[in-house]
Protein backbone atom coordinates (compact mmCIF):
# COMPACT_ATOMS: atom_id res chain seq x y z
CA UNK A 1 0.00 0.00 0.00
CA UNK A 2 2.74 2.45 0.93
CA UNK A 3 4.70 1.65 -2.23
CA UNK A 4 1.63 2.21 -4.40
CA UNK A 5 0.91 5.51 -2.69
CA UNK A 6 4.51 6.60 -3.14
CA UNK A 7 4.13 5.85 -6.86
CA UNK A 8 1.11 8.18 -7.04
CA UNK A 9 -1.72 5.63 -6.71
CA UNK A 10 -4.65 6.11 -4.37
CA UNK A 11 -5.21 2.81 -2.58
CA UNK A 12 -7.88 1.12 -0.48
CA UNK A 13 -7.69 -2.11 1.51
CA UNK A 14 -11.04 -3.93 1.48
CA UNK A 15 -12.16 -6.92 3.52
CA UNK A 16 -15.13 -9.18 2.97
CA UNK A 17 -16.85 -12.42 3.76
CA UNK A 18 -16.18 -14.81 0.91
CA UNK A 19 -18.88 -17.27 -0.17
CA UNK A 20 -17.78 -20.17 -2.34
CA UNK A 21 -20.03 -23.03 -3.46
CA UNK A 22 -21.07 -24.21 0.04
CA UNK A 23 -24.57 -25.72 -0.41
CA UNK A 24 -25.75 -24.16 2.88
CA UNK A 25 -24.54 -20.70 1.88
CA UNK A 26 -22.06 -20.45 4.77
CA UNK A 27 -19.14 -18.08 4.24
CA UNK A 28 -15.90 -19.90 3.54
CA UNK A 29 -14.06 -17.24 5.49
CA UNK A 30 -12.80 -13.72 5.20
CA UNK A 31 -10.81 -12.31 2.33
CA UNK A 32 -9.16 -9.04 1.35
CA UNK A 33 -7.92 -7.27 -1.75
CA UNK A 34 -6.52 -3.92 -2.84
CA UNK A 35 -8.31 -1.28 -4.91
CA UNK A 36 -6.26 1.34 -6.73
CA UNK A 37 -7.08 4.59 -8.48
CA UNK A 38 -4.59 6.19 -10.83
CA UNK A 39 -5.28 8.87 -13.41
CA UNK A 40 -9.02 8.25 -13.01
CA UNK A 41 -8.85 4.46 -13.52
CA UNK A 42 -10.13 2.33 -10.63
CA UNK A 43 -8.90 -1.28 -10.50
CA UNK A 44 -9.21 -4.18 -8.03
CA UNK A 45 -6.24 -6.47 -7.39
CA UNK A 46 -6.75 -9.91 -5.83
CA UNK A 47 -3.27 -11.38 -5.97
CA UNK A 48 -3.98 -13.98 -3.24
CA UNK A 49 -6.87 -15.52 -5.19
CA UNK A 50 -4.80 -15.63 -8.39
CA UNK A 51 -2.11 -17.52 -6.47
CA UNK A 52 -4.72 -19.78 -4.80
CA UNK A 53 -6.04 -20.65 -8.26
CA UNK A 54 -2.50 -21.49 -9.40
CA UNK A 55 -2.44 -18.64 -11.90
CA UNK A 56 0.66 -16.60 -12.70
CA UNK A 57 -1.16 -14.15 -15.00
CA UNK A 58 -1.93 -11.72 -12.17
CA UNK A 59 -3.79 -8.65 -13.40
CA UNK A 60 -6.47 -6.28 -12.15
CA UNK A 61 -9.55 -8.44 -11.59
CA UNK A 62 -11.81 -9.84 -8.92
CA UNK A 63 -12.91 -13.42 -8.39
CA UNK A 64 -10.29 -15.53 -10.14
CA UNK A 65 -11.59 -18.05 -7.59
CA UNK A 66 -15.34 -18.53 -8.16
CA UNK A 67 -17.49 -17.10 -5.40
CA UNK A 68 -19.18 -14.03 -4.04
CA UNK A 69 -17.73 -11.24 -1.89
CA UNK A 70 -19.74 -9.25 0.64
CA UNK A 71 -17.60 -6.25 1.55
CA UNK A 72 -17.48 -5.39 5.26
CA UNK A 73 -14.78 -2.82 5.80
CA UNK A 74 -12.39 -0.42 4.17
CA UNK A 75 -8.97 0.47 5.46
CA UNK A 76 -6.49 -0.74 8.03
CA UNK A 77 -5.12 0.42 11.34
CA UNK A 78 -8.15 2.36 12.54
CA UNK A 79 -7.83 4.34 15.78
CA UNK A 80 -10.89 5.16 17.88
CA UNK A 81 -10.91 7.37 20.96
CA UNK A 82 -12.80 5.91 23.97
CA UNK A 83 -12.67 6.82 27.67
CA UNK A 84 -9.48 8.81 27.12
CA UNK A 85 -7.79 5.86 25.41
CA UNK A 86 -6.77 5.30 21.80
CA UNK A 87 -8.22 1.96 20.67
CA UNK A 88 -6.24 0.48 17.76
CA UNK A 89 -8.11 -1.93 15.49
CA UNK A 90 -6.13 -3.39 12.59
CA UNK A 91 -9.19 -4.31 10.50
CA UNK A 92 -12.69 -3.35 11.70
CA UNK A 93 -14.48 -6.19 9.90
CA UNK A 94 -14.37 -8.90 12.52
CA UNK A 95 -15.22 -8.83 16.23
CA UNK A 96 -12.69 -7.32 18.60
CA UNK A 97 -12.90 -7.24 22.39
CA UNK A 98 -11.69 -3.97 23.89
CA UNK A 99 -10.15 -4.49 27.34
CA UNK A 100 -10.20 -1.94 30.17
CA UNK A 101 -6.65 -0.80 29.35
CA UNK A 102 -7.61 -0.13 25.71
CA UNK A 103 -5.84 -3.20 24.29
CA UNK A 104 -7.81 -5.42 21.94
CA UNK A 105 -8.06 -9.11 21.19
CA UNK A 106 -9.76 -10.83 18.27
CA UNK A 107 -13.13 -12.35 18.90
CA UNK A 108 -14.29 -15.48 17.13
CA UNK A 109 -15.55 -14.68 13.63
CA UNK A 110 -19.27 -15.31 13.33
CA UNK A 111 -20.75 -17.97 11.09
CA UNK A 112 -22.32 -15.97 8.28
CA UNK A 113 -24.96 -17.42 5.98
CA UNK A 114 -25.92 -15.97 2.62
CA UNK A 115 -29.68 -15.70 2.20
CA UNK A 116 -30.94 -17.53 -0.88
CA UNK A 117 -34.03 -15.28 -1.16
């Protein structure tokens, strides 16, 4: 992200629940990708899914692995002010417990089901 920004690209880090072909519509897990904007062109880059699919022809595209994304959050390293403390959340798309001293720990990700209606 920093390298892209240094090169003059606007960037966004997006996270989602990823639904593959599970017959019950249960999310296979979470996933992330990078969105860039440069000279008015917006592109999505999903390098991890290209690699997971065994493809070396990485280019701007979503879903080289078949499935559906439901975007949850944008950005990384969020800081929220609470009770005089700075609460640091790396990615605000999954549960975090905030302790009395302001530190955080990951909560268990929920089981998410895609409605078939």
